[in-house]
């Protein structure tokens, strides 16, 4: 029961892709104002992807 309560929410690939495209699109849009925006966005995307993979590893067992 505790495993079900602590299990992470599923994150769909389409939502992850849409979030990444939105972040990069906004960084490119505001690039004339903040030239380092694209670098900051890429660092943020890579760190968020790494954190999602490391904090919520795939379960190696099946729920009965």
N, C-alpha and C. Protein backbone atom coordinates (compact mmCIF):
# COMPACT_ATOMS: atom_id res chain seq x y z
N UNK A 1 0.83 -1.19 0.00
CA UNK A 1 0.00 0.00 0.00
C UNK A 1 0.87 1.25 0.00
N UNK A 2 1.94 1.22 0.78
CA UNK A 2 2.83 2.38 0.85
C UNK A 2 3.52 2.63 -0.49
N UNK A 3 3.83 1.54 -1.22
CA UNK A 3 4.45 1.70 -2.54
C UNK A 3 3.53 2.46 -3.49
N UNK A 4 2.25 2.18 -3.43
CA UNK A 4 1.31 2.87 -4.31
C UNK A 4 1.18 4.34 -3.95
N UNK A 5 1.28 4.66 -2.67
CA UNK A 5 1.16 6.05 -2.24
C UNK A 5 2.39 6.86 -2.63
N UNK A 6 3.55 6.24 -2.63
CA UNK A 6 4.80 6.94 -2.93
C UNK A 6 5.23 6.83 -4.38
N UNK A 7 4.49 6.12 -5.19
CA UNK A 7 4.85 5.96 -6.59
C UNK A 7 4.72 7.30 -7.32
N UNK A 8 5.66 7.62 -8.17
CA UNK A 8 5.58 8.90 -8.89
C UNK A 8 4.45 8.88 -9.92
N UNK A 9 3.96 10.06 -10.24
CA UNK A 9 2.94 10.17 -11.27
C UNK A 9 3.58 9.90 -12.62
N UNK A 10 2.81 9.33 -13.52
CA UNK A 10 3.35 9.06 -14.85
C UNK A 10 3.49 10.38 -15.61
N UNK A 11 4.55 10.49 -16.38
CA UNK A 11 4.83 11.69 -17.15
C UNK A 11 4.89 11.27 -18.60
N UNK A 12 3.91 11.66 -19.36
CA UNK A 12 3.81 11.23 -20.74
C UNK A 12 4.90 11.86 -21.60
N UNK A 13 5.34 11.12 -22.59
CA UNK A 13 6.37 11.59 -23.49
C UNK A 13 5.91 12.83 -24.24
N UNK A 14 4.65 12.87 -24.64
CA UNK A 14 4.14 14.03 -25.37
C UNK A 14 4.17 15.29 -24.51
N UNK A 15 3.87 15.17 -23.22
CA UNK A 15 3.92 16.33 -22.33
C UNK A 15 5.36 16.78 -22.12
N UNK A 16 6.29 15.83 -22.01
CA UNK A 16 7.70 16.17 -21.84
C UNK A 16 8.22 16.90 -23.08
N UNK A 17 7.85 16.40 -24.27
CA UNK A 17 8.27 17.02 -25.52
C UNK A 17 7.69 18.44 -25.64
N UNK A 18 6.41 18.59 -25.32
CA UNK A 18 5.77 19.90 -25.40
C UNK A 18 6.42 20.88 -24.42
N UNK A 19 6.76 20.43 -23.25
CA UNK A 19 7.42 21.29 -22.27
C UNK A 19 8.80 21.73 -22.75
N UNK A 20 9.55 20.81 -23.35
CA UNK A 20 10.88 21.15 -23.85
C UNK A 20 10.80 22.13 -25.01
N UNK A 21 9.87 21.91 -25.92
CA UNK A 21 9.71 22.81 -27.07
C UNK A 21 9.28 24.20 -26.61
N UNK A 22 8.39 24.25 -25.63
CA UNK A 22 7.94 25.53 -25.10
C UNK A 22 9.10 26.29 -24.44
N UNK A 23 9.91 25.59 -23.67
CA UNK A 23 11.04 26.22 -23.00
C UNK A 23 12.05 26.77 -24.01
N UNK A 24 12.39 25.96 -25.00
CA UNK A 24 13.34 26.42 -26.01
C UNK A 24 12.75 27.53 -26.88
N UNK A 25 11.46 27.45 -27.19
CA UNK A 25 10.82 28.50 -27.97
C UNK A 25 10.82 29.83 -27.25
N UNK A 26 10.53 29.81 -25.96
CA UNK A 26 10.56 31.05 -25.19
C UNK A 26 11.98 31.58 -25.05
N UNK A 27 12.94 30.70 -24.93
CA UNK A 27 14.34 31.14 -24.84
C UNK A 27 14.77 31.81 -26.14
N UNK A 28 14.38 31.25 -27.27
CA UNK A 28 14.73 31.84 -28.56
C UNK A 28 13.98 33.16 -28.77
N UNK A 29 12.74 33.22 -28.33
CA UNK A 29 11.94 34.45 -28.48
C UNK A 29 12.55 35.60 -27.69
N UNK A 30 13.02 35.33 -26.47
CA UNK A 30 13.59 36.38 -25.64
C UNK A 30 15.10 36.51 -25.79
N UNK A 31 15.69 35.87 -26.79
CA UNK A 31 17.13 35.92 -26.99
C UNK A 31 17.66 37.34 -27.24
N UNK A 32 16.95 38.23 -27.95
CA UNK A 32 17.49 39.59 -28.10
C UNK A 32 17.60 40.34 -26.77
N UNK A 33 16.76 40.02 -25.81
CA UNK A 33 16.80 40.68 -24.51
C UNK A 33 17.83 40.04 -23.60
N UNK A 34 17.87 38.71 -23.60
CA UNK A 34 18.78 37.97 -22.73
C UNK A 34 19.54 36.95 -23.58
N UNK A 35 20.72 37.32 -24.08
CA UNK A 35 21.45 36.42 -24.98
C UNK A 35 21.82 35.07 -24.38
N UNK A 36 21.99 34.99 -23.09
CA UNK A 36 22.33 33.71 -22.46
C UNK A 36 21.09 32.86 -22.16
N UNK A 37 19.94 33.29 -22.62
CA UNK A 37 18.71 32.56 -22.35
C UNK A 37 18.70 31.15 -22.89
N UNK A 38 19.26 30.96 -24.09
CA UNK A 38 19.30 29.61 -24.67
C UNK A 38 20.21 28.68 -23.87
N UNK A 39 21.31 29.20 -23.40
CA UNK A 39 22.23 28.38 -22.58
C UNK A 39 21.56 28.00 -21.27
N UNK A 40 20.89 28.97 -20.65
CA UNK A 40 20.19 28.72 -19.39
C UNK A 40 19.08 27.70 -19.61
N UNK A 41 18.35 27.82 -20.72
CA UNK A 41 17.27 26.88 -21.02
C UNK A 41 17.80 25.47 -21.24
N UNK A 42 18.91 25.34 -21.97
CA UNK A 42 19.49 24.01 -22.21
C UNK A 42 20.00 23.38 -20.92
N UNK A 43 20.61 24.17 -20.06
CA UNK A 43 21.07 23.64 -18.77
C UNK A 43 19.87 23.21 -17.93
N UNK A 44 18.83 24.00 -17.94
CA UNK A 44 17.62 23.66 -17.18
C UNK A 44 16.96 22.40 -17.70
N UNK A 45 16.89 22.26 -19.01
CA UNK A 45 16.28 21.06 -19.59
C UNK A 45 17.10 19.81 -19.29
N UNK A 46 18.41 19.92 -19.40
CA UNK A 46 19.24 18.73 -19.15
C UNK A 46 19.21 18.35 -17.67
N UNK A 47 19.19 19.34 -16.78
CA UNK A 47 19.15 19.01 -15.36
C UNK A 47 17.79 18.46 -14.95
N UNK A 48 16.71 18.98 -15.53
CA UNK A 48 15.39 18.47 -15.16
C UNK A 48 15.20 17.05 -15.67
N UNK A 49 15.72 16.76 -16.86
CA UNK A 49 15.63 15.41 -17.40
C UNK A 49 16.45 14.43 -16.55
N UNK A 50 17.63 14.86 -16.16
CA UNK A 50 18.49 14.01 -15.32
C UNK A 50 17.84 13.76 -13.97
N UNK A 51 17.27 14.80 -13.38
CA UNK A 51 16.62 14.63 -12.08
C UNK A 51 15.41 13.73 -12.16
N UNK A 52 14.61 13.85 -13.23
CA UNK A 52 13.45 12.99 -13.36
C UNK A 52 13.86 11.53 -13.49
N UNK A 53 14.93 11.26 -14.23
CA UNK A 53 15.37 9.88 -14.41
C UNK A 53 15.99 9.31 -13.14
N UNK A 54 16.70 10.14 -12.38
CA UNK A 54 17.40 9.65 -11.19
C UNK A 54 16.50 9.55 -9.97
N UNK A 55 15.57 10.47 -9.82
CA UNK A 55 14.73 10.47 -8.63
C UNK A 55 13.64 9.42 -8.67
N UNK A 56 13.19 9.07 -9.87
CA UNK A 56 12.10 8.11 -10.01
C UNK A 56 12.52 6.96 -10.92
N UNK A 57 13.35 6.05 -10.41
CA UNK A 57 13.78 4.93 -11.25
C UNK A 57 12.60 3.98 -11.53
N UNK A 58 12.70 3.28 -12.61
CA UNK A 58 11.66 2.33 -12.98
C UNK A 58 11.62 1.19 -11.96
N UNK A 59 10.41 0.74 -11.66
CA UNK A 59 10.26 -0.37 -10.72
C UNK A 59 10.64 -1.67 -11.42
N UNK A 60 11.32 -2.53 -10.71
CA UNK A 60 11.74 -3.79 -11.30
C UNK A 60 10.87 -4.96 -10.85
N UNK A 61 9.77 -4.68 -10.24
CA UNK A 61 8.86 -5.72 -9.81
C UNK A 61 7.44 -5.35 -10.20
N UNK A 62 6.57 -6.34 -10.16
CA UNK A 62 5.18 -6.12 -10.55
C UNK A 62 4.31 -6.05 -9.29
N UNK A 63 3.29 -5.21 -9.37
CA UNK A 63 2.31 -5.16 -8.27
C UNK A 63 1.36 -6.32 -8.39
N UNK A 64 1.07 -6.94 -7.28
CA UNK A 64 0.16 -8.09 -7.30
C UNK A 64 -1.28 -7.66 -7.29
